[in-house]
Each structure stands twice: as C-alpha cells, then as structure tokens.
C-alpha cells in the first residue's frame, strides 16, 4: 500500500483492529441469513508526510450509496453547531445574499438550510441519494455527485464558483485526497474561503478514540499534514480553530495562495507548534496505541460479562458507526446487548453490522427499562444524558467505554 497523498510505500502500522464489516452497512431482517463481507481495519502512518490512513478496501461509491443511513439533522447539538457556524461566516467574513455557498457532503441540508433562511444562495454536493432527497425537500439545490477535480471543472463551466466552500467531516472520507483538494482550488473564487472540519488525530491518540476508525474514514488528519496537502494544490491556510465536536476537531480556513485580502493569523503557527511539541511528525508518537486500545476492550468486555452474570439488562443508544467499530473489535453480539435505540427512522427496524443487534425507537427503551444504556456516540453524551434523564427513575445507568469505562 502506498500513501494516498505522497505515494510513499507504507510500512508503519498504527493500529490493527482486525476485520469488520463496513460500519454503516445496516442489515435488514432478510439479510441476517446472508453472509456479510468483512474487510481489514489496519491503519498505517506514512513515514514521509505522516498521513494516518486505511486502504480503500471497500470503494467509496459502495459505502456512500443510495441506502446510506446517516442523517446529520438527527442531532440537535450538531444543528446548533451548524447554525452558529453560519452566523459566524456571515458576520466575520461577509458572506451575504450576493455570495454562493457550496457545501461538499451536504447530507440532508442540515447546515445549508441556515444560509438559505438568510437569503444566501446555496448549492449542496451530496453523492448519497437518501440524504440528497431530504435536502431537496427543504428547497436546497443538490447535485448528486462525488466531489473532485472533474466535478469542480463542471461547476466552473456552469458558472458556479463559490465565495465559500465548506465541508464538515468529509476530508477524512475521500479516498483520493489530492484530487479532492485540487477540486477545492478550482471551484473557489479568487477571493473565496474554504473551511473544512475534521476530527484531529492528536485527540484520537490522546483519548483512545479508536472507535472513530472505520472504513469510510480513509484518513486521520493532523493540521501539519493537511497544510502540506493544501499547499501542494495551491491553497494556503490563514486560520485554524480547535473545536469540541466529535471528541476534538479542527476547523481550517484556506484561501488561494498569494491572495492578500485575508491576512495570516497567529493561530496557524500556534497549532503547528502544538503539534510539533506533541510529536505529530515523529513515528514514535504512534507507537503503543494498541496497548491503550486493548485496555478499553478488556474493561468493556469485563463490564458486559459481569452484567450478564448479575442478570442485568443491557441496551445501547445511538446506532453510530463508532459503536459498530467498538462492538466488532470486541466481538460483542446481541446476546450481551439486547437492542440499540436510534432516532433515525432510516435505521429503525434494521440490525447493526456484525453484531446483529436490533435498532429500535425510543418507545422500546421506555417499555423495556434496561438496567444499563451504553452510549455509543460519546461525543454527544451530554445531549443524551439530558434527553434520557428519565432512565434514573427506574434505576437505570449510563455507560461509556471511550476513553475509559464510566458508569453514571
């Protein structure tokens, strides 16, 4: 395997999580009788550019298909985050009714709806038919394509260059990251801004966030590496923010190299210094992660086994991809976790890949009254604590496994 950015041959293994099915490949009842496809979940770090990555064992076109079941609007905290971003870009950078905003991986219109409400012209780029359909129902023009250099050229030909191009949690999802960033350069107006948000690999290492590793996440990104990738395409970082989403993310701000209308901010050098001091460009920083992961697995399995011995009922909340990584790495099946609750109707009535745990609605939780509820999307656990506070009425407790086992 060669690095998807610099093409250097990869040798250094960061973590090997064994084989698992794609984390968003939810199953119907009929599919439970069919064989599942498992793929290696072995993560490498490039010794040249330090891009952390998994091979494209399953093609992006197969992962992000018409049955894609993740809808961004199901999380209130994520909607609040998106609304605040919209307000910031309009007030701080002058995005207005004369601007064009393009969002790549626009999903169900969760963010563009706020620009649209403010009268700002918007265009969504979203390859999954299921989410694109919902976005169009909100009145958001959406092109159902994958983004890259050719798509960008088509946008320019149609007169659709943008003052603002944004992408939340998409940069890590593209198998050809060089082609993707070249597309950003092409589709951006000379005075335009690119913002991208993605989980920070430094937080993954520091907080045992191995469950954020799954097949649709092709890359695990540091600011230092992303800066290099953007510079190669002719885009320059002028600002960066550390934000709390997804357990610790970065929001980068880029412009055309040489454009002087946006001045370089001190945040760029500050974060480069922070990453340098953390050793993000040293191979030894990526050693020993497997030992930390093994402890999480042991503690999680010990909890489940003890709950089983004590005849306690264990359920889960949030049919999230990260939960599927945890379950399949630990080898947990539906004999230890009875069901998982999810608000997304697209997931209800289906089964988690690998573990075959049924996905149900919240009414099932209230009827069954389990002793423990494992929160898989720990990044929004505070939101879930408030939403499900009523479980304490019957003596129920919340459980999280990352970064360490906690029962609350």
Protein backbone atom coordinates (compact mmCIF):
# COMPACT_ATOMS: atom_id res chain seq x y z
CA UNK A 1 0.00 0.00 0.00
CA UNK A 2 1.21 3.49 -0.89
CA UNK A 3 0.34 6.78 0.82
CA UNK A 4 -2.73 8.39 -0.74
CA UNK A 5 -1.01 11.79 -0.64
CA UNK A 6 2.75 11.45 -1.25
CA UNK A 7 2.72 7.88 -2.69
CA UNK A 8 5.40 6.74 -0.24
CA UNK A 9 5.27 2.99 0.46
CA UNK A 10 3.63 2.37 3.84
CA UNK A 11 5.20 0.09 6.45
CA UNK A 12 4.41 1.55 9.89
CA UNK A 13 1.21 0.10 11.44
CA UNK A 14 -0.55 2.48 13.82
CA UNK A 15 -3.30 0.07 14.94
CA UNK A 16 -4.75 -3.19 13.65
CA UNK A 17 -8.41 -3.62 14.65
CA UNK A 18 -8.80 -6.90 12.79
CA UNK A 19 -11.56 -7.47 10.25
CA UNK A 20 -15.03 -5.93 10.40
CA UNK A 21 -17.96 -5.13 8.11
CA UNK A 22 -18.43 -1.52 6.96
CA UNK A 23 -19.78 0.41 9.96
CA UNK A 24 -22.77 1.88 8.16
CA UNK A 25 -23.82 -1.34 6.39
CA UNK A 26 -27.00 -1.85 8.44
CA UNK A 27 -28.87 -5.08 7.75
CA UNK A 28 -32.48 -5.92 7.08
CA UNK A 29 -34.06 -8.97 8.73
CA UNK A 30 -33.75 -10.87 5.44
CA UNK A 31 -30.02 -10.10 5.22
CA UNK A 32 -29.34 -11.73 8.58
CA UNK A 33 -29.44 -15.07 6.78
CA UNK A 34 -26.84 -13.97 4.24
CA UNK A 35 -23.07 -13.81 4.59
CA UNK A 36 -21.52 -10.45 5.49
CA UNK A 37 -18.40 -9.01 3.92
CA UNK A 38 -15.59 -8.25 6.35
CA UNK A 39 -12.62 -6.04 5.48
CA UNK A 40 -9.30 -5.36 7.25
CA UNK A 41 -9.26 -2.35 9.56
CA UNK A 42 -5.49 -1.88 9.64
CA UNK A 43 -4.26 1.69 9.96
CA UNK A 44 -0.87 2.89 8.71
CA UNK A 45 1.05 6.11 9.24
CA UNK A 46 3.17 7.48 6.39
CA UNK A 47 6.80 7.91 7.38
CA UNK A 48 7.19 10.78 4.89
CA UNK A 49 4.13 13.04 5.28
CA UNK A 50 2.62 11.47 8.45
CA UNK A 51 -0.82 10.98 6.94
CA UNK A 52 -2.59 8.30 9.01
CA UNK A 53 -4.73 6.15 6.73
CA UNK A 54 -6.54 2.93 5.90
CA UNK A 55 -6.54 1.34 2.47
CA UNK A 56 -9.65 1.62 0.30
CA UNK A 57 -10.75 -1.96 0.87
CA UNK A 58 -14.32 -1.06 0.05
CA UNK A 59 -14.89 1.58 -2.62
CA UNK A 60 -16.32 4.93 -1.58
CA UNK A 61 -19.03 4.50 -4.22
CA UNK A 62 -20.19 1.36 -2.39
CA UNK A 63 -20.07 2.90 1.10
CA UNK A 64 -21.84 6.15 0.17
CA UNK A 65 -24.67 4.58 -1.81
CA UNK A 66 -28.41 5.14 -2.16
CA UNK A 67 -29.08 3.31 1.13
CA UNK A 68 -26.74 5.47 3.22
CA UNK A 69 -28.42 5.78 6.61
CA UNK A 70 -26.67 8.66 8.37
CA UNK A 71 -28.74 11.85 8.53
CA UNK A 72 -27.00 14.82 10.15
CA UNK A 73 -30.20 16.51 11.32
CA UNK A 74 -30.91 13.85 13.96
CA UNK A 75 -28.53 15.58 16.41
CA UNK A 76 -29.74 18.82 17.99
CA UNK A 77 -26.24 19.76 19.13
CA UNK A 78 -24.95 19.32 15.58
CA UNK A 79 -27.71 21.56 14.25
CA UNK A 80 -26.81 24.20 16.84
CA UNK A 81 -23.17 23.93 15.83
CA UNK A 82 -24.13 24.42 12.17
CA UNK A 83 -26.31 27.44 12.89
CA UNK A 84 -23.52 29.13 14.85
CA UNK A 85 -21.09 28.47 12.00
CA UNK A 86 -23.48 30.11 9.52
CA UNK A 87 -23.80 33.19 11.71
CA UNK A 88 -20.01 33.39 12.11
CA UNK A 89 -19.29 33.21 8.39
CA UNK A 90 -21.84 35.93 7.64
CA UNK A 91 -20.72 38.31 10.40
CA UNK A 92 -16.96 37.73 10.33
CA UNK A 93 -16.30 37.09 6.63
CA UNK A 94 -19.13 38.97 4.93
CA UNK A 95 -20.94 36.03 3.34
CA UNK A 96 -24.23 37.55 2.13
CA UNK A 97 -27.06 37.42 -0.39
CA UNK A 98 -24.61 38.07 -3.25
CA UNK A 99 -22.38 35.12 -2.28
CA UNK A 100 -22.59 31.50 -3.37
CA UNK A 101 -22.03 28.89 -0.65
CA UNK A 102 -21.19 25.34 -1.73
CA UNK A 103 -21.17 22.56 0.83
CA UNK A 104 -19.49 19.29 -0.04
CA UNK A 105 -21.12 16.27 1.61
CA UNK A 106 -24.15 18.44 2.39
CA UNK A 107 -26.12 15.40 3.63
CA UNK A 108 -29.76 16.26 4.36
CA UNK A 109 -29.30 20.05 4.21
CA UNK A 110 -28.65 20.26 7.97
CA UNK A 111 -26.34 23.31 7.52
CA UNK A 112 -27.22 24.92 4.19
CA UNK A 113 -30.77 25.42 5.45
CA UNK A 114 -29.48 28.22 7.71
CA UNK A 115 -27.74 30.05 4.88
CA UNK A 116 -30.87 29.60 2.76
CA UNK A 117 -33.05 31.06 5.51
CA UNK A 118 -30.77 34.13 5.48
CA UNK A 119 -31.26 34.55 1.73
CA UNK A 120 -27.76 33.34 0.78
CA UNK A 121 -27.62 31.27 -2.47
CA UNK A 122 -26.56 27.69 -1.70
CA UNK A 123 -25.59 24.53 -3.54
CA UNK A 124 -25.13 21.10 -2.00
CA UNK A 125 -22.83 18.39 -3.33
CA UNK A 126 -24.02 15.07 -1.92
CA UNK A 127 -23.49 11.62 -3.51
CA UNK A 128 -25.97 9.67 -1.35
CA UNK A 129 -29.47 9.64 -2.82
CA UNK A 130 -31.21 9.07 0.52
CA UNK A 131 -29.91 12.27 2.13
CA UNK A 132 -29.93 14.36 -1.08
CA UNK A 133 -33.66 13.68 -1.43
CA UNK A 134 -34.34 15.11 2.04
CA UNK A 135 -32.21 18.19 1.28
CA UNK A 136 -34.18 18.89 -1.90
CA UNK A 137 -37.40 18.64 0.09
CA UNK A 138 -36.03 21.56 2.12
CA UNK A 139 -35.59 23.55 -1.08
CA UNK A 140 -31.82 23.12 -1.25
CA UNK A 141 -30.43 22.59 -4.75
CA UNK A 142 -28.29 19.46 -4.55
CA UNK A 143 -26.03 17.80 -7.11
CA UNK A 144 -25.87 14.05 -6.52
CA UNK A 145 -22.18 13.52 -7.33
CA UNK A 146 -18.85 12.84 -5.70
CA UNK A 147 -16.63 15.90 -5.49
CA UNK A 148 -13.20 16.13 -7.08
CA UNK A 149 -11.34 17.91 -9.86
CA UNK A 150 -13.79 16.95 -12.62
CA UNK A 151 -16.85 17.98 -10.60
CA UNK A 152 -15.16 21.31 -9.86
CA UNK A 153 -14.49 21.89 -13.56
CA UNK A 154 -18.15 21.18 -14.28
CA UNK A 155 -19.16 23.73 -11.62
CA UNK A 156 -16.92 26.39 -13.17
CA UNK A 157 -18.35 25.64 -16.61
CA UNK A 158 -21.84 26.16 -15.17
CA UNK A 159 -20.79 29.48 -13.60
CA UNK A 160 -20.95 28.10 -10.06
CA UNK A 161 -17.68 29.16 -8.44
CA UNK A 162 -18.16 29.94 -4.75
CA UNK A 163 -17.21 32.64 -2.27
CA UNK A 164 -17.39 29.95 0.42
CA UNK A 165 -16.79 26.22 0.08
CA UNK A 166 -17.28 24.18 3.22
CA UNK A 167 -17.05 20.56 4.16
CA UNK A 168 -17.75 19.09 7.59
CA UNK A 169 -16.33 15.63 8.24
CA UNK A 170 -15.74 14.92 4.56
CA UNK A 171 -12.00 15.48 4.11
CA UNK A 172 -11.30 12.26 6.01
CA UNK A 173 -13.84 10.39 3.87
CA UNK A 174 -12.26 10.85 0.43
CA UNK A 175 -10.00 8.11 -0.98
CA UNK A 176 -8.21 10.48 -3.40
CA UNK A 177 -7.46 13.42 -1.12
CA UNK A 178 -5.20 15.13 -3.69
CA UNK A 179 -7.93 15.14 -6.34
CA UNK A 180 -10.43 16.43 -3.78
CA UNK A 181 -8.26 19.38 -2.73
CA UNK A 182 -7.47 20.22 -6.36
CA UNK A 183 -11.22 20.46 -6.84
CA UNK A 184 -11.48 22.94 -3.97
CA UNK A 185 -8.89 25.16 -5.67
CA UNK A 186 -10.77 25.11 -8.97
CA UNK A 187 -14.27 25.73 -7.55
CA UNK A 188 -13.19 28.62 -5.31
CA UNK A 189 -13.48 32.24 -6.46
CA UNK A 190 -10.22 34.27 -6.37
CA UNK A 191 -11.29 35.99 -3.13
CA UNK A 192 -13.06 32.96 -1.68
CA UNK A 193 -12.66 30.94 1.52
CA UNK A 194 -12.54 27.19 2.12
CA UNK A 195 -13.42 25.82 5.54
CA UNK A 196 -13.14 22.15 6.44
CA UNK A 197 -13.85 20.45 9.75
CA UNK A 198 -12.41 17.06 10.68
CA UNK A 199 -11.52 15.09 13.82
CA UNK A 200 -7.99 15.86 15.00
CA UNK A 201 -5.77 12.77 15.00
CA UNK A 202 -3.99 14.18 18.06
CA UNK A 203 -7.25 13.82 20.03
CA UNK A 204 -7.70 10.28 18.70
CA UNK A 205 -4.30 9.34 20.11
CA UNK A 206 -4.62 11.19 23.41
CA UNK A 207 -8.16 9.97 24.20
CA UNK A 208 -8.20 6.38 22.92
CA UNK A 209 -10.73 7.27 20.21
CA UNK A 210 -10.06 4.13 18.17
CA UNK A 211 -13.80 3.70 17.59
CA UNK A 212 -13.65 6.67 15.18
CA UNK A 213 -11.66 4.37 12.87
CA UNK A 214 -13.84 2.73 10.24
CA UNK A 215 -13.76 2.02 6.53
CA UNK A 216 -15.45 5.22 5.38
CA UNK A 217 -12.78 7.23 7.24
CA UNK A 218 -9.91 6.80 4.80
CA UNK A 219 -7.64 9.35 6.55
CA UNK A 220 -6.95 10.55 10.11
CA UNK A 221 -5.70 14.09 9.93
CA UNK A 222 -3.30 16.45 11.62
CA UNK A 223 -3.08 20.15 10.83
CA UNK A 224 0.54 19.78 9.75
CA UNK A 225 -0.28 17.15 7.12
CA UNK A 226 -3.43 18.88 5.85
CA UNK A 227 -1.49 22.14 5.48
CA UNK A 228 1.04 20.32 3.29
CA UNK A 229 -1.68 18.73 1.16
CA UNK A 230 -3.43 22.08 0.62
CA UNK A 231 -0.19 23.88 -0.22
CA UNK A 232 0.59 21.34 -2.92
CA UNK A 233 -2.76 22.24 -4.55
CA UNK A 234 -2.11 25.99 -4.33
CA UNK A 235 -4.21 26.72 -1.25
CA UNK A 236 -2.86 28.43 1.86
CA UNK A 237 -4.02 28.11 5.46
CA UNK A 238 -4.69 31.50 7.03
CA UNK A 239 -6.56 30.48 10.19
CA UNK A 240 -7.45 27.41 12.24
CA UNK A 241 -9.73 26.76 15.21
CA UNK A 242 -9.80 23.88 17.67
CA UNK A 243 -13.43 22.93 18.25
CA UNK A 244 -15.04 20.34 20.58
CA UNK A 245 -17.12 18.40 18.04
CA UNK A 246 -16.51 14.65 17.59
CA UNK A 247 -14.24 14.48 20.61
CA UNK A 248 -11.93 17.26 19.38
CA UNK A 249 -11.84 18.58 15.82
CA UNK A 250 -10.15 21.24 13.74
CA UNK A 251 -11.81 23.85 11.56
CA UNK A 252 -9.33 25.05 8.95
CA UNK A 253 -9.62 28.22 6.86
CA UNK A 254 -7.86 28.33 3.49
CA UNK A 255 -7.54 30.77 0.58
CA UNK A 256 -5.79 30.87 -2.76
CA UNK A 257 -2.02 31.08 -2.28
CA UNK A 258 -0.91 34.65 -2.91
CA UNK A 259 -4.30 36.26 -2.24
CA UNK A 260 -3.63 39.13 0.16
CA UNK A 261 -7.22 40.03 1.09
CA UNK A 262 -7.16 37.64 4.06
CA UNK A 263 -4.23 38.02 6.44
CA UNK A 264 -2.40 35.12 8.03
CA UNK A 265 -3.45 34.71 11.68
CA UNK A 266 -1.27 33.63 14.57
CA UNK A 267 -3.42 30.52 15.13
CA UNK A 268 -1.64 28.75 12.26
CA UNK A 269 1.82 28.87 13.82
CA UNK A 270 0.40 28.23 17.29
CA UNK A 271 -1.19 24.94 16.23
CA UNK A 272 1.85 23.87 14.20
CA UNK A 273 3.93 24.44 17.34
CA UNK A 274 1.46 22.47 19.48
CA UNK A 275 1.55 19.51 17.08
CA UNK A 276 5.33 19.65 16.83
CA UNK A 277 5.67 19.56 20.62
CA UNK A 278 3.19 16.64 20.75
CA UNK A 279 5.41 14.76 18.26
CA UNK A 280 2.85 14.51 15.49
CA UNK A 281 5.67 14.25 12.92
CA UNK A 282 7.59 11.58 14.82
CA UNK A 283 6.92 7.87 14.30
CA UNK A 284 7.38 7.04 17.98
CA UNK A 285 4.28 9.12 18.79
CA UNK A 286 2.21 6.48 17.01
CA UNK A 287 3.69 3.56 18.97
CA UNK A 288 1.93 1.93 21.91
CA UNK A 289 -1.60 2.86 20.87
CA UNK A 290 -2.56 -0.82 20.63
CA UNK A 291 -1.90 -1.28 24.36
CA UNK A 292 -4.27 1.56 25.27
CA UNK A 293 -6.90 0.11 22.95
CA UNK A 294 -6.51 -3.37 24.44
CA UNK A 295 -7.32 -1.98 27.91
CA UNK A 296 -10.54 -0.38 26.66
CA UNK A 297 -11.54 -3.72 25.12
CA UNK A 298 -10.79 -5.67 28.31
CA UNK A 299 -12.68 -3.24 30.55
CA UNK A 300 -15.69 -3.13 28.22
CA UNK A 301 -15.91 -6.92 27.96
CA UNK A 302 -15.49 -7.31 31.73
CA UNK A 303 -18.42 -4.96 32.29
CA UNK A 304 -20.66 -6.87 29.85
CA UNK A 305 -19.75 -10.26 31.32
CA UNK A 306 -20.39 -9.09 34.88
CA UNK A 307 -23.74 -7.56 33.87
CA UNK A 308 -24.67 -10.88 32.29
CA UNK A 309 -23.71 -12.78 35.45
CA UNK A 310 -25.78 -10.35 37.52
CA UNK A 311 -28.77 -10.85 35.17
CA UNK A 312 -28.84 -7.16 34.30
CA UNK A 313 -30.42 -5.92 31.06
CA UNK A 314 -28.01 -4.01 28.81
CA UNK A 315 -29.14 -1.84 25.90
CA UNK A 316 -27.44 0.91 23.92
CA UNK A 317 -28.21 4.31 22.48
CA UNK A 318 -27.12 5.60 19.09
CA UNK A 319 -26.59 3.23 16.15
CA UNK A 320 -23.42 5.15 15.33
CA UNK A 321 -20.55 3.95 13.17
CA UNK A 322 -18.18 4.35 16.11
CA UNK A 323 -20.30 1.93 18.12
CA UNK A 324 -20.02 -0.66 15.38
CA UNK A 325 -16.23 -0.38 15.39
CA UNK A 326 -16.20 -0.93 19.17
CA UNK A 327 -18.60 -3.88 19.02
CA UNK A 328 -16.86 -5.69 16.18
CA UNK A 329 -13.37 -5.17 17.58
CA UNK A 330 -14.55 -6.56 20.92
CA UNK A 331 -16.52 -9.40 19.31
CA UNK A 332 -19.77 -8.41 21.04
CA UNK A 333 -23.05 -9.85 19.73
CA UNK A 334 -26.73 -9.44 20.57
CA UNK A 335 -26.54 -11.90 23.45
CA UNK A 336 -24.82 -9.20 25.54
CA UNK A 337 -26.62 -6.09 24.27
CA UNK A 338 -30.34 -6.56 23.73
CA UNK A 339 -31.09 -3.59 21.45
CA UNK A 340 -29.91 -0.15 20.42
CA UNK A 341 -32.14 2.93 20.27
CA UNK A 342 -31.75 5.43 17.43
CA UNK A 343 -33.85 8.44 16.46
CA UNK A 344 -33.22 7.98 12.74
CA UNK A 345 -36.18 6.22 11.14
CA UNK A 346 -33.80 5.08 8.39
CA UNK A 347 -32.04 2.80 10.91
CA UNK A 348 -35.01 1.57 12.94
CA UNK A 349 -36.09 -1.96 12.10
CA UNK A 350 -32.59 -2.84 10.91
CA UNK A 351 -29.67 -4.59 12.59
CA UNK A 352 -26.12 -3.48 13.33
CA UNK A 353 -23.48 -4.97 11.02
CA UNK A 354 -21.53 -7.83 12.56
CA UNK A 355 -23.17 -7.82 15.98
CA UNK A 356 -26.76 -8.09 14.60
CA UNK A 357 -28.16 -6.02 17.47
CA UNK A 358 -31.66 -4.74 16.51
CA UNK A 359 -32.21 -0.98 16.11
CA UNK A 360 -35.43 0.26 17.72
CA UNK A 361 -37.17 3.53 18.56
CA UNK A 362 -37.19 5.27 21.95
CA UNK A 363 -40.59 3.86 22.91
CA UNK A 364 -38.98 0.43 23.13
CA UNK A 365 -36.50 1.78 25.68
CA UNK A 366 -39.27 3.16 27.89
CA UNK A 367 -41.15 -0.13 27.76
CA UNK A 368 -38.17 -2.40 28.42
CA UNK A 369 -36.50 -0.24 31.12
CA UNK A 370 -32.96 -1.70 30.86
CA UNK A 371 -30.52 -1.52 33.77
CA UNK A 372 -27.72 -0.10 31.63
CA UNK A 373 -27.64 2.03 28.48
CA UNK A 374 -24.33 2.16 26.64
CA UNK A 375 -23.89 5.45 24.78
CA UNK A 376 -22.04 4.75 21.55
CA UNK A 377 -21.86 8.37 20.26
CA UNK A 378 -19.93 9.53 23.33
CA UNK A 379 -19.17 12.82 21.55
CA UNK A 380 -22.76 13.94 22.25
CA UNK A 381 -23.20 12.16 25.58
CA UNK A 382 -24.20 15.35 27.43
CA UNK A 383 -27.08 15.82 24.98
CA UNK A 384 -28.11 12.18 25.52
CA UNK A 385 -27.87 12.43 29.32
CA UNK A 386 -30.45 15.22 29.24
CA UNK A 387 -32.67 13.53 26.66
CA UNK A 388 -32.79 10.23 28.55
CA UNK A 389 -32.58 11.51 32.14
CA UNK A 390 -35.80 9.63 32.90
CA UNK A 391 -33.95 6.28 32.96
CA UNK A 392 -32.82 7.11 36.51
CA UNK A 393 -36.48 6.84 37.56
CA UNK A 394 -36.24 3.06 37.24
CA UNK A 395 -32.63 2.89 38.47
CA UNK A 396 -31.01 2.81 35.05
CA UNK A 397 -27.40 3.90 34.48
CA UNK A 398 -25.45 5.28 31.51
CA UNK A 399 -22.24 3.61 30.34
CA UNK A 400 -19.48 4.92 28.06
CA UNK A 401 -16.40 2.93 27.04
CA UNK A 402 -14.24 5.69 25.49
CA UNK A 403 -11.72 6.98 26.57
CA UNK A 404 -12.21 4.71 29.61
CA UNK A 405 -15.14 2.78 31.07
CA UNK A 406 -17.50 5.06 33.00
CA UNK A 407 -20.84 4.21 34.62
CA UNK A 408 -23.06 7.16 35.53
